[in-house]
């Protein structure tokens, strides 16, 4: 009798059921997800363009990172650091300043890592401090007092241009605006002569 009961208990072992298995459940869930995605694409076709663009961008970033790791640490940015001129460094520092310059922001402007950016600044004898503040953020960077002056003066147009051969205001010229865009220029020496006569 005990030999006949043993097979019956083995047939009812836990973990085995007559319902669907895990693989079938995953297939059904994948089918439902694809059907839902297809419905969204049919109703809103521009969503597909957006999703495809995001996926292509992420794929490109992953592939680029994988290729960079696969070929070692030879960055594409290393030759760029040698091509940067002192004038480019100073102009970029002034463009990025807010009022100080974070090292990470400066590195991003040249597409360098922070180590290469620090070396670039130290090569040009620009002091990099451990802590500078922009708004509520604090980080490594260049303080506004350490920014070198721009290599060339800013392009400013003269307020009142004088062509060659025209008298300057020292010779008695005065101007009066008329209308929206007109100006009447009066010669002070002629007016003073008429007034005397």
C-alpha atoms as a PDB file:
ATOM      1  CA  UNK A   1       0.000   0.000   0.000  1.00  0.00           C
ATOM      2  CA  UNK A   2       2.770   2.410   0.732  1.00  0.00           C
ATOM      3  CA  UNK A   3       4.286   1.841  -2.688  1.00  0.00           C
ATOM      4  CA  UNK A   4       1.083   2.922  -4.411  1.00  0.00           C
ATOM      5  CA  UNK A   5       0.780   6.172  -2.395  1.00  0.00           C
ATOM      6  CA  UNK A   6       4.278   7.376  -3.247  1.00  0.00           C
ATOM      7  CA  UNK A   7       3.587   8.022  -6.971  1.00  0.00           C
ATOM      8  CA  UNK A   8       0.453   9.999  -6.128  1.00  0.00           C
ATOM      9  CA  UNK A   9       2.333  12.351  -3.805  1.00  0.00           C
ATOM     10  CA  UNK A  10       5.065  12.899  -6.406  1.00  0.00           C
ATOM     11  CA  UNK A  11       2.464  13.931  -8.984  1.00  0.00           C
ATOM     12  CA  UNK A  12       1.179  16.638  -6.673  1.00  0.00           C
ATOM     13  CA  UNK A  13       4.582  18.179  -5.938  1.00  0.00           C
ATOM     14  CA  UNK A  14       4.557  21.979  -5.370  1.00  0.00           C
ATOM     15  CA  UNK A  15       5.652  24.271  -8.191  1.00  0.00           C
ATOM     16  CA  UNK A  16       3.981  22.293 -10.965  1.00  0.00           C
ATOM     17  CA  UNK A  17       0.545  23.436 -12.032  1.00  0.00           C
ATOM     18  CA  UNK A  18      -1.740  22.773 -14.916  1.00  0.00           C
ATOM     19  CA  UNK A  19      -1.942  26.570 -15.716  1.00  0.00           C
ATOM     20  CA  UNK A  20       0.429  28.593 -17.978  1.00  0.00           C
ATOM     21  CA  UNK A  21       4.138  28.686 -17.314  1.00  0.00           C
ATOM     22  CA  UNK A  22       6.354  31.784 -16.921  1.00  0.00           C
ATOM     23  CA  UNK A  23       7.516  31.806 -20.530  1.00  0.00           C
ATOM     24  CA  UNK A  24       3.965  31.928 -21.844  1.00  0.00           C
ATOM     25  CA  UNK A  25       3.121  34.794 -19.465  1.00  0.00           C
ATOM     26  CA  UNK A  26       6.117  36.809 -20.721  1.00  0.00           C
ATOM     27  CA  UNK A  27       5.086  36.224 -24.342  1.00  0.00           C
ATOM     28  CA  UNK A  28       1.561  37.426 -23.615  1.00  0.00           C
ATOM     29  CA  UNK A  29       2.849  40.541 -21.820  1.00  0.00           C
ATOM     30  CA  UNK A  30       5.222  41.326 -24.706  1.00  0.00           C
ATOM     31  CA  UNK A  31       2.362  40.947 -27.199  1.00  0.00           C
ATOM     32  CA  UNK A  32       0.119  43.279 -25.152  1.00  0.00           C
ATOM     33  CA  UNK A  33       2.939  45.872 -24.883  1.00  0.00           C
ATOM     34  CA  UNK A  34       3.605  45.761 -28.646  1.00  0.00           C
ATOM     35  CA  UNK A  35      -0.121  46.044 -29.379  1.00  0.00           C
ATOM     36  CA  UNK A  36      -0.348  49.093 -27.091  1.00  0.00           C
ATOM     37  CA  UNK A  37       2.688  50.677 -28.753  1.00  0.00           C
ATOM     38  CA  UNK A  38       1.210  50.018 -32.198  1.00  0.00           C
ATOM     39  CA  UNK A  39      -2.068  51.639 -31.125  1.00  0.00           C
ATOM     40  CA  UNK A  40      -0.233  54.756 -29.896  1.00  0.00           C
ATOM     41  CA  UNK A  41       1.773  54.981 -33.135  1.00  0.00           C
ATOM     42  CA  UNK A  42      -1.385  54.637 -35.232  1.00  0.00           C
ATOM     43  CA  UNK A  43      -3.259  57.308 -33.264  1.00  0.00           C
ATOM     44  CA  UNK A  44      -0.256  59.652 -32.846  1.00  0.00           C
ATOM     45  CA  UNK A  45       2.205  58.947 -35.690  1.00  0.00           C
ATOM     46  CA  UNK A  46       4.627  61.730 -34.691  1.00  0.00           C
ATOM     47  CA  UNK A  47       5.282  59.953 -31.411  1.00  0.00           C
ATOM     48  CA  UNK A  48       7.040  57.276 -33.450  1.00  0.00           C
ATOM     49  CA  UNK A  49       9.420  59.860 -34.914  1.00  0.00           C
ATOM     50  CA  UNK A  50      10.184  61.213 -31.458  1.00  0.00           C
ATOM     51  CA  UNK A  51      10.761  57.763 -29.956  1.00  0.00           C
ATOM     52  CA  UNK A  52      12.904  56.715 -32.921  1.00  0.00           C
ATOM     53  CA  UNK A  53      14.992  59.888 -32.584  1.00  0.00           C
ATOM     54  CA  UNK A  54      15.514  59.366 -28.861  1.00  0.00           C
ATOM     55  CA  UNK A  55      16.455  55.724 -29.400  1.00  0.00           C
ATOM     56  CA  UNK A  56      18.869  56.620 -32.222  1.00  0.00           C
ATOM     57  CA  UNK A  57      20.510  59.327 -30.084  1.00  0.00           C
ATOM     58  CA  UNK A  58      20.921  57.032 -27.082  1.00  0.00           C
ATOM     59  CA  UNK A  59      22.233  54.269 -29.346  1.00  0.00           C
ATOM     60  CA  UNK A  60      24.801  56.626 -30.857  1.00  0.00           C
ATOM     61  CA  UNK A  61      25.948  57.755 -27.410  1.00  0.00           C
ATOM     62  CA  UNK A  62      26.258  54.166 -26.196  1.00  0.00           C
ATOM     63  CA  UNK A  63      28.141  53.118 -29.333  1.00  0.00           C
ATOM     64  CA  UNK A  64      30.513  56.063 -29.036  1.00  0.00           C
ATOM     65  CA  UNK A  65      31.201  55.272 -25.394  1.00  0.00           C
ATOM     66  CA  UNK A  66      31.715  51.596 -26.191  1.00  0.00           C
ATOM     67  CA  UNK A  67      34.120  52.406 -29.029  1.00  0.00           C
ATOM     68  CA  UNK A  68      36.034  54.808 -26.763  1.00  0.00           C
ATOM     69  CA  UNK A  69      36.388  52.166 -24.048  1.00  0.00           C
ATOM     70  CA  UNK A  70      37.217  49.477 -26.593  1.00  0.00           C
ATOM     71  CA  UNK A  71      40.081  51.436 -28.168  1.00  0.00           C
ATOM     72  CA  UNK A  72      41.512  52.495 -24.834  1.00  0.00           C
ATOM     73  CA  UNK A  73      41.902  55.934 -23.328  1.00  0.00           C
ATOM     74  CA  UNK A  74      43.076  57.689 -26.490  1.00  0.00           C
ATOM     75  CA  UNK A  75      40.552  60.503 -26.529  1.00  0.00           C
ATOM     76  CA  UNK A  76      39.614  62.459 -29.612  1.00  0.00           C
ATOM     77  CA  UNK A  77      39.876  65.571 -27.451  1.00  0.00           C
ATOM     78  CA  UNK A  78      43.607  65.214 -26.758  1.00  0.00           C
ATOM     79  CA  UNK A  79      44.738  66.741 -30.085  1.00  0.00           C
ATOM     80  CA  UNK A  80      42.217  69.552 -29.619  1.00  0.00           C
ATOM     81  CA  UNK A  81      43.893  70.671 -26.385  1.00  0.00           C
ATOM     82  CA  UNK A  82      47.122  71.317 -28.306  1.00  0.00           C
ATOM     83  CA  UNK A  83      45.327  73.391 -30.946  1.00  0.00           C
ATOM     84  CA  UNK A  84      43.696  75.802 -28.459  1.00  0.00           C
ATOM     85  CA  UNK A  85      45.346  79.235 -28.508  1.00  0.00           C
ATOM     86  CA  UNK A  86      45.796  81.526 -25.526  1.00  0.00           C
ATOM     87  CA  UNK A  87      43.320  83.956 -27.088  1.00  0.00           C
ATOM     88  CA  UNK A  88      40.672  81.203 -27.337  1.00  0.00           C
ATOM     89  CA  UNK A  89      41.191  80.331 -23.671  1.00  0.00           C
ATOM     90  CA  UNK A  90      40.773  83.927 -22.488  1.00  0.00           C
ATOM     91  CA  UNK A  91      37.734  84.600 -24.686  1.00  0.00           C
ATOM     92  CA  UNK A  92      36.051  81.376 -23.538  1.00  0.00           C
ATOM     93  CA  UNK A  93      36.718  82.215 -19.905  1.00  0.00           C
ATOM     94  CA  UNK A  94      34.993  85.579 -20.352  1.00  0.00           C
ATOM     95  CA  UNK A  95      32.070  84.000 -22.234  1.00  0.00           C
ATOM     96  CA  UNK A  96      31.489  81.302 -19.591  1.00  0.00           C
ATOM     97  CA  UNK A  97      32.030  83.588 -16.564  1.00  0.00           C
ATOM     98  CA  UNK A  98      28.987  83.973 -14.314  1.00  0.00           C
ATOM     99  CA  UNK A  99      30.801  85.897 -12.587  1.00  0.00           C
ATOM    100  CA  UNK A 100      33.306  83.092 -11.870  1.00  0.00           C
ATOM    101  CA  UNK A 101      34.112  80.138 -14.147  1.00  0.00           C
ATOM    102  CA  UNK A 102      33.588  76.533 -13.073  1.00  0.00           C
ATOM    103  CA  UNK A 103      36.237  74.170 -14.413  1.00  0.00           C
ATOM    104  CA  UNK A 104      33.526  71.792 -15.648  1.00  0.00           C
ATOM    105  CA  UNK A 105      31.875  74.571 -17.700  1.00  0.00           C
ATOM    106  CA  UNK A 106      35.211  75.583 -19.209  1.00  0.00           C
ATOM    107  CA  UNK A 107      35.994  71.937 -20.050  1.00  0.00           C
ATOM    108  CA  UNK A 108      32.569  71.504 -21.678  1.00  0.00           C
ATOM    109  CA  UNK A 109      33.165  74.575 -23.873  1.00  0.00           C
ATOM    110  CA  UNK A 110      36.197  72.851 -25.443  1.00  0.00           C
ATOM    111  CA  UNK A 111      34.777  69.290 -25.164  1.00  0.00           C
ATOM    112  CA  UNK A 112      37.617  68.263 -22.821  1.00  0.00           C
ATOM    113  CA  UNK A 113      37.696  66.356 -19.568  1.00  0.00           C
ATOM    114  CA  UNK A 114      38.388  68.414 -16.446  1.00  0.00           C
ATOM    115  CA  UNK A 115      41.973  67.162 -16.123  1.00  0.00           C
ATOM    116  CA  UNK A 116      42.866  68.357 -19.629  1.00  0.00           C
ATOM    117  CA  UNK A 117      41.060  71.664 -19.007  1.00  0.00           C
ATOM    118  CA  UNK A 118      43.002  72.215 -15.774  1.00  0.00           C
ATOM    119  CA  UNK A 119      46.284  71.472 -17.575  1.00  0.00           C
ATOM    120  CA  UNK A 120      45.298  73.926 -20.327  1.00  0.00           C
ATOM    121  CA  UNK A 121      44.679  76.696 -17.769  1.00  0.00           C
ATOM    122  CA  UNK A 122      47.797  75.975 -15.733  1.00  0.00           C
ATOM    123  CA  UNK A 123      49.884  75.928 -18.917  1.00  0.00           C
ATOM    124  CA  UNK A 124      48.785  79.520 -19.512  1.00  0.00           C
ATOM    125  CA  UNK A 125      49.448  80.401 -15.853  1.00  0.00           C
ATOM    126  CA  UNK A 126      45.785  80.981 -14.995  1.00  0.00           C
ATOM    127  CA  UNK A 127      45.094  80.150 -11.351  1.00  0.00           C
ATOM    128  CA  UNK A 128      42.532  77.407 -10.669  1.00  0.00           C
ATOM    129  CA  UNK A 129      41.008  77.658  -7.191  1.00  0.00           C
ATOM    130  CA  UNK A 130      39.494  74.818  -5.176  1.00  0.00           C
ATOM    131  CA  UNK A 131      36.265  76.722  -4.551  1.00  0.00           C
ATOM    132  CA  UNK A 132      34.559  79.471  -6.530  1.00  0.00           C
ATOM    133  CA  UNK A 133      30.903  80.400  -6.239  1.00  0.00           C
ATOM    134  CA  UNK A 134      28.261  81.026  -8.908  1.00  0.00           C
ATOM    135  CA  UNK A 135      24.848  81.659  -7.397  1.00  0.00           C
ATOM    136  CA  UNK A 136      24.144  78.837  -4.929  1.00  0.00           C
ATOM    137  CA  UNK A 137      26.673  76.446  -6.478  1.00  0.00           C
ATOM    138  CA  UNK A 138      30.304  76.083  -5.440  1.00  0.00           C
ATOM    139  CA  UNK A 139      32.999  74.211  -7.325  1.00  0.00           C
ATOM    140  CA  UNK A 140      36.535  74.144  -8.659  1.00  0.00           C
ATOM    141  CA  UNK A 141      37.273  76.925 -11.107  1.00  0.00           C
ATOM    142  CA  UNK A 142      38.724  80.328 -11.931  1.00  0.00           C
ATOM    143  CA  UNK A 143      37.774  83.311  -9.761  1.00  0.00           C
ATOM    144  CA  UNK A 144      36.740  86.533 -11.520  1.00  0.00           C
ATOM    145  CA  UNK A 145      39.771  88.313 -10.040  1.00  0.00           C
ATOM    146  CA  UNK A 146      42.060  85.761 -11.738  1.00  0.00           C
ATOM    147  CA  UNK A 147      40.535  86.191 -15.215  1.00  0.00           C
ATOM    148  CA  UNK A 148      43.095  87.665 -17.614  1.00  0.00           C
ATOM    149  CA  UNK A 149      41.980  90.699 -19.636  1.00  0.00           C
ATOM    150  CA  UNK A 150      40.654  90.179 -23.130  1.00  0.00           C
ATOM    151  CA  UNK A 151      43.467  90.222 -25.710  1.00  0.00           C
ATOM    152  CA  UNK A 152      41.813  92.871 -27.867  1.00  0.00           C
ATOM    153  CA  UNK A 153      39.387  95.652 -26.977  1.00  0.00           C
ATOM    154  CA  UNK A 154      35.714  95.116 -27.587  1.00  0.00           C
ATOM    155  CA  UNK A 155      34.445  96.394 -30.922  1.00  0.00           C
ATOM    156  CA  UNK A 156      32.570  99.599 -30.145  1.00  0.00           C
ATOM    157  CA  UNK A 157      31.228 101.940 -32.755  1.00  0.00           C
ATOM    158  CA  UNK A 158      31.945 105.622 -32.215  1.00  0.00           C
ATOM    159  CA  UNK A 159      29.031 107.659 -30.890  1.00  0.00           C
ATOM    160  CA  UNK A 160      29.234 110.353 -33.523  1.00  0.00           C
ATOM    161  CA  UNK A 161      31.411 109.395 -36.441  1.00  0.00           C
ATOM    162  CA  UNK A 162      33.271 112.163 -38.226  1.00  0.00           C
ATOM    163  CA  UNK A 163      34.391 111.584 -41.796  1.00  0.00           C
ATOM    164  CA  UNK A 164      37.588 112.928 -43.218  1.00  0.00           C
ATOM    165  CA  UNK A 165      37.249 116.590 -44.094  1.00  0.00           C
ATOM    166  CA  UNK A 166      34.274 117.237 -41.779  1.00  0.00           C
ATOM    167  CA  UNK A 167      34.689 119.632 -38.921  1.00  0.00           C
ATOM    168  CA  UNK A 168      34.546 118.249 -35.399  1.00  0.00           C
ATOM    169  CA  UNK A 169      32.373 119.600 -32.601  1.00  0.00           C
ATOM    170  CA  UNK A 170      35.315 121.630 -31.431  1.00  0.00           C
ATOM    171  CA  UNK A 171      34.717 123.804 -34.483  1.00  0.00           C
ATOM    172  CA  UNK A 172      31.203 124.746 -33.375  1.00  0.00           C
ATOM    173  CA  UNK A 173      28.926 122.089 -34.894  1.00  0.00           C
ATOM    174  CA  UNK A 174      25.611 121.330 -33.241  1.00  0.00           C
ATOM    175  CA  UNK A 175      22.921 118.847 -34.222  1.00  0.00           C
ATOM    176  CA  UNK A 176      19.162 118.805 -33.659  1.00  0.00           C
ATOM    177  CA  UNK A 177      17.028 115.704 -34.205  1.00  0.00           C
ATOM    178  CA  UNK A 178      14.027 116.097 -36.504  1.00  0.00           C
ATOM    179  CA  UNK A 179      11.364 113.459 -36.997  1.00  0.00           C
ATOM    180  CA  UNK A 180      12.147 109.841 -36.276  1.00  0.00           C
ATOM    181  CA  UNK A 181      15.418 109.468 -38.161  1.00  0.00           C
ATOM    182  CA  UNK A 182      16.494 112.913 -39.262  1.00  0.00           C
ATOM    183  CA  UNK A 183      19.172 115.213 -37.891  1.00  0.00           C
ATOM    184  CA  UNK A 184      19.874 118.835 -38.772  1.00  0.00           C
ATOM    185  CA  UNK A 185      23.534 119.777 -38.397  1.00  0.00           C
ATOM    186  CA  UNK A 186      24.204 123.461 -37.770  1.00  0.00           C
ATOM    187  CA  UNK A 187      27.536 125.143 -38.039  1.00  0.00           C
ATOM    188  CA  UNK A 188      27.963 127.389 -35.005  1.00  0.00           C
ATOM    189  CA  UNK A 189      30.478 129.683 -36.695  1.00  0.00           C
ATOM    190  CA  UNK A 190      27.991 130.655 -39.442  1.00  0.00           C
ATOM    191  CA  UNK A 191      25.221 131.292 -36.931  1.00  0.00           C
ATOM    192  CA  UNK A 192      27.476 133.482 -34.794  1.00  0.00           C
ATOM    193  CA  UNK A 193      28.536 135.504 -37.895  1.00  0.00           C
ATOM    194  CA  UNK A 194      24.911 136.100 -38.910  1.00  0.00           C
ATOM    195  CA  UNK A 195      24.019 137.100 -35.401  1.00  0.00           C
ATOM    196  CA  UNK A 196      26.788 139.697 -35.280  1.00  0.00           C
ATOM    197  CA  UNK A 197      25.785 141.264 -38.597  1.00  0.00           C
END
